[in-house]
Protein backbone atom coordinates (compact mmCIF):
# COMPACT_ATOMS: atom_id res chain seq x y z
CA MET A 1 -5.35 15.26 -36.58
CA LEU A 2 -6.20 12.65 -34.01
CA ILE A 3 -3.69 10.13 -32.69
CA LYS A 4 -5.76 7.10 -31.72
CA GLU A 5 -3.04 4.76 -30.62
CA ALA A 6 0.70 4.77 -30.19
CA LYS A 7 2.95 1.85 -29.38
CA PHE A 8 6.61 1.10 -28.91
CA MET A 9 7.99 -1.00 -31.77
CA THR A 10 11.68 -1.76 -31.36
CA SER A 11 15.12 -0.37 -30.51
CA ALA A 12 18.12 -0.31 -32.83
CA ALA A 13 21.75 -0.08 -31.78
CA ARG A 14 23.35 -0.41 -35.22
CA ALA A 15 22.63 0.75 -38.77
CA GLU A 16 21.65 -2.73 -39.94
CA GLN A 17 18.88 -2.74 -37.31
CA PHE A 18 17.32 0.55 -38.48
CA LEU A 19 13.77 0.17 -39.75
CA LYS A 20 12.86 0.77 -43.38
CA PRO A 21 9.60 2.59 -42.77
CA ALA A 22 6.53 1.80 -44.86
CA LYS A 23 4.98 5.12 -43.76
CA PRO A 24 6.35 8.62 -43.07
CA MET A 25 8.91 8.73 -40.27
CA ILE A 26 9.59 11.73 -38.06
CA ALA A 27 12.89 11.74 -36.16
CA VAL A 28 13.07 13.35 -32.72
CA CYS A 29 16.49 14.60 -31.68
CA GLY A 30 17.98 17.02 -29.19
CA LYS A 31 20.41 17.40 -26.36
CA SER A 32 20.19 14.95 -23.50
CA ASN A 33 17.39 15.99 -21.16
CA SER A 34 15.74 18.31 -23.71
CA GLY A 35 12.43 16.50 -23.24
CA LYS A 36 12.28 13.96 -26.09
CA SER A 37 10.52 11.23 -24.07
CA THR A 38 8.10 13.77 -22.57
CA LEU A 39 7.21 15.02 -26.07
CA ILE A 40 6.55 11.47 -27.31
CA ASN A 41 4.31 10.80 -24.29
CA LEU A 42 2.47 14.09 -24.90
CA LEU A 43 1.72 13.10 -28.51
CA ALA A 44 0.69 9.60 -27.43
CA GLY A 45 -1.59 11.04 -24.75
CA ARG A 46 -0.17 8.75 -22.09
CA LYS A 47 2.65 8.93 -19.61
CA GLY A 48 4.71 5.77 -19.80
CA LEU A 49 5.16 5.10 -23.53
CA ALA A 50 8.66 6.59 -23.70
CA LYS A 51 10.70 6.26 -20.53
CA THR A 52 11.54 9.63 -19.02
CA SER A 53 14.45 10.06 -16.67
CA ALA A 54 15.81 12.80 -14.44
CA ALA A 55 19.29 11.60 -15.37
CA PRO A 56 20.22 12.80 -18.88
CA GLY A 57 21.70 10.45 -21.45
CA ARG A 58 19.21 7.62 -20.99
CA THR A 59 18.42 7.06 -24.67
CA ARG A 60 21.42 5.27 -26.13
CA LEU A 61 19.55 3.56 -28.96
CA VAL A 62 17.20 4.60 -31.71
CA ASN A 63 13.73 3.80 -30.33
CA TYR A 64 10.87 3.43 -32.81
CA PHE A 65 7.22 4.16 -32.04
CA ASP A 66 4.21 3.49 -34.25
CA PHE A 67 1.69 6.35 -34.20
CA GLY A 68 -0.71 4.87 -36.75
CA GLU A 69 -0.27 7.22 -39.70
CA PHE A 70 3.43 7.76 -39.05
CA LEU A 71 6.45 6.45 -37.16
CA LEU A 72 8.51 8.37 -34.62
CA ALA A 73 12.19 7.61 -34.19
CA ASP A 74 13.60 8.78 -30.85
CA LEU A 75 17.33 9.35 -31.30
CA PRO A 76 20.10 9.29 -28.69
CA GLY A 77 20.54 12.65 -26.97
CA TYR A 78 23.74 14.48 -27.81
CA GLY A 79 26.04 16.77 -25.86
CA TYR A 80 25.82 15.08 -22.47
CA ALA A 81 29.08 15.76 -20.66
CA ALA A 82 29.04 12.91 -18.12
CA VAL A 83 29.66 10.10 -20.58
CA SER A 84 32.99 8.86 -21.88
CA LYS A 85 34.47 10.11 -25.16
CA GLU A 86 34.05 6.59 -26.48
CA GLU A 87 30.32 6.61 -25.68
CA LYS A 88 29.93 10.05 -27.29
CA LEU A 89 31.60 8.79 -30.45
CA LYS A 90 29.30 5.79 -30.48
CA TRP A 91 26.25 8.09 -30.27
CA ALA A 92 27.62 10.35 -33.01
CA LYS A 93 28.16 7.32 -35.27
CA THR A 94 24.60 6.13 -34.61
CA LEU A 95 23.21 9.58 -35.49
CA ASP A 96 25.36 9.83 -38.64
CA ALA A 97 24.28 6.38 -39.81
CA PHE A 98 20.64 7.18 -39.10
CA PHE A 99 20.66 10.45 -41.06
CA ALA A 100 22.57 8.81 -43.92
CA CYS A 101 19.26 7.11 -44.91
CA LYS A 102 17.62 10.48 -45.44
CA GLU A 103 15.11 9.16 -47.96
CA ASP A 104 13.52 7.32 -45.00
CA ILE A 105 13.06 10.53 -42.97
CA ALA A 106 10.03 12.73 -43.65
CA HIS A 107 10.91 15.39 -41.06
CA VAL A 108 13.09 16.05 -38.01
CA PHE A 109 11.96 17.61 -34.74
CA VAL A 110 14.94 19.25 -33.01
CA LEU A 111 14.16 19.77 -29.33
CA SER A 112 15.60 22.72 -27.49
CA ASP A 113 14.87 23.97 -23.94
CA ILE A 114 13.00 27.26 -24.49
CA ARG A 115 14.74 28.88 -21.49
CA ARG A 116 18.23 28.44 -22.89
CA ASP A 117 20.01 29.72 -25.95
CA PRO A 118 21.09 26.96 -28.33
CA SER A 119 24.39 25.29 -27.42
CA GLU A 120 27.27 24.57 -29.77
CA ASP A 121 25.90 21.03 -30.16
CA ASP A 122 22.43 22.35 -31.07
CA LEU A 123 23.85 24.70 -33.70
CA GLN A 124 25.96 21.86 -35.10
CA MET A 125 22.84 19.72 -35.39
CA ILE A 126 20.97 22.45 -37.29
CA ASN A 127 23.96 23.00 -39.61
CA PHE A 128 24.08 19.25 -40.22
CA LEU A 129 20.36 19.14 -41.15
CA ASN A 130 20.70 22.21 -43.38
CA TYR A 131 23.75 20.72 -45.08
CA HIS A 132 21.92 17.45 -45.78
CA ILE A 133 18.76 19.33 -46.83
CA LEU A 134 16.62 17.53 -44.26
CA PRO A 135 13.37 19.37 -43.38
CA PHE A 136 13.13 20.18 -39.67
CA THR A 137 11.20 22.13 -37.05
CA VAL A 138 12.61 23.33 -33.72
CA ILE A 139 10.42 22.31 -30.79
CA ALA A 140 11.04 24.69 -27.87
CA THR A 141 10.25 22.49 -24.87
CA LYS A 142 9.44 23.23 -21.21
CA SER A 143 7.36 26.31 -22.10
CA ASP A 144 5.29 25.87 -18.90
CA LYS A 145 8.26 27.36 -17.04
CA LEU A 146 7.61 30.77 -18.66
CA SER A 147 4.81 33.33 -18.92
CA ARG A 148 2.91 33.73 -22.22
CA MET A 149 4.72 36.98 -22.92
CA LYS A 150 8.10 35.43 -22.18
CA ILE A 151 7.32 32.42 -24.44
CA LYS A 152 6.81 34.74 -27.45
CA GLU A 153 10.03 36.56 -26.63
CA ARG A 154 12.00 33.31 -26.30
CA VAL A 155 10.55 31.79 -29.51
CA ARG A 156 11.76 34.90 -31.33
CA LYS A 157 15.20 34.61 -29.70
CA VAL A 158 15.55 30.87 -30.39
CA ALA A 159 14.54 31.40 -34.04
CA GLN A 160 17.07 34.21 -34.31
CA CYS A 161 19.88 32.09 -32.81
CA TYR A 162 19.21 29.35 -35.37
CA GLY A 163 18.70 31.77 -38.25
CA LEU A 164 15.11 30.58 -38.73
CA GLY A 165 11.71 32.19 -39.14
CA GLU A 166 9.52 32.19 -36.02
CA GLY A 167 7.11 29.84 -37.81
CA ASN A 168 9.82 27.15 -37.67
CA VAL A 169 9.82 27.15 -33.85
CA ILE A 170 6.94 25.62 -31.86
CA ALA A 171 6.77 26.20 -28.10
CA VAL A 172 5.50 23.08 -26.32
CA SER A 173 4.93 21.93 -22.74
CA GLY A 174 4.77 18.23 -21.93
CA LEU A 175 3.34 19.18 -18.54
CA THR A 176 0.39 21.37 -19.54
CA GLY A 177 -0.04 20.21 -23.14
CA GLY A 178 0.54 23.77 -24.37
CA GLY A 179 1.49 23.81 -28.06
CA LYS A 180 0.19 20.27 -28.71
CA GLU A 181 -2.46 21.48 -31.20
CA GLU A 182 0.14 23.39 -33.19
CA LEU A 183 2.42 20.36 -33.14
CA LEU A 184 -0.37 18.07 -34.42
CA LYS A 185 -1.10 20.57 -37.22
CA LYS A 186 2.58 20.48 -38.16
CA ILE A 187 2.54 16.66 -38.26
CA GLU A 188 -0.59 16.79 -40.42
CA SER A 189 1.16 19.02 -42.96
CA ILE A 190 4.27 16.76 -42.89
CA LEU A 191 2.05 13.77 -43.70
CA GLU A 192 0.31 15.68 -46.50
CA GLN A 193 3.67 16.60 -48.03
CA SER A 194 4.76 12.95 -47.78
CA GLY A 195 1.62 11.93 -49.64
CA ALA A 196 0.47 9.86 -46.68
CA GLU A 197 -3.00 11.34 -46.46
């Protein structure tokens, strides 16, 4: 598939501000600093669409992007230690409210740093998606940091940790564009299943 144009739409802080999508919506979630903004920019084919930051915990809202045939919803990162308990609860509430409208969500991309084993928060997220029967794919980010051989090994390990098949884990690099083709193929099949084609 070819993404011709991508643009930022709006941000939502509360459930009543969430968009009711007229086309398939893919949610992007993951721990703070797992590479959500970088992934969005990779798909868009340009650097500054989603704001990246060296400081984790930047995304505090649900940010919506229009990718033509589908929408992307960038969710607040979870599991960042340097924010107050109050702030963490606020994020958790936002995520809960967002996933409560599951009929609006075609698929979820769960981002996970390929070099690290899933954290307690990551596993909780996967359990949550399984419990709510929401279709998801794990995107193993930052694959440019590893050799080809090591990538295969880590994909296997990440899949194992989550109790998934290796086909449910896509290794991607926002830096080199590695894995982008596979990711676009995945999006294509999500759109087909949603009847958007």
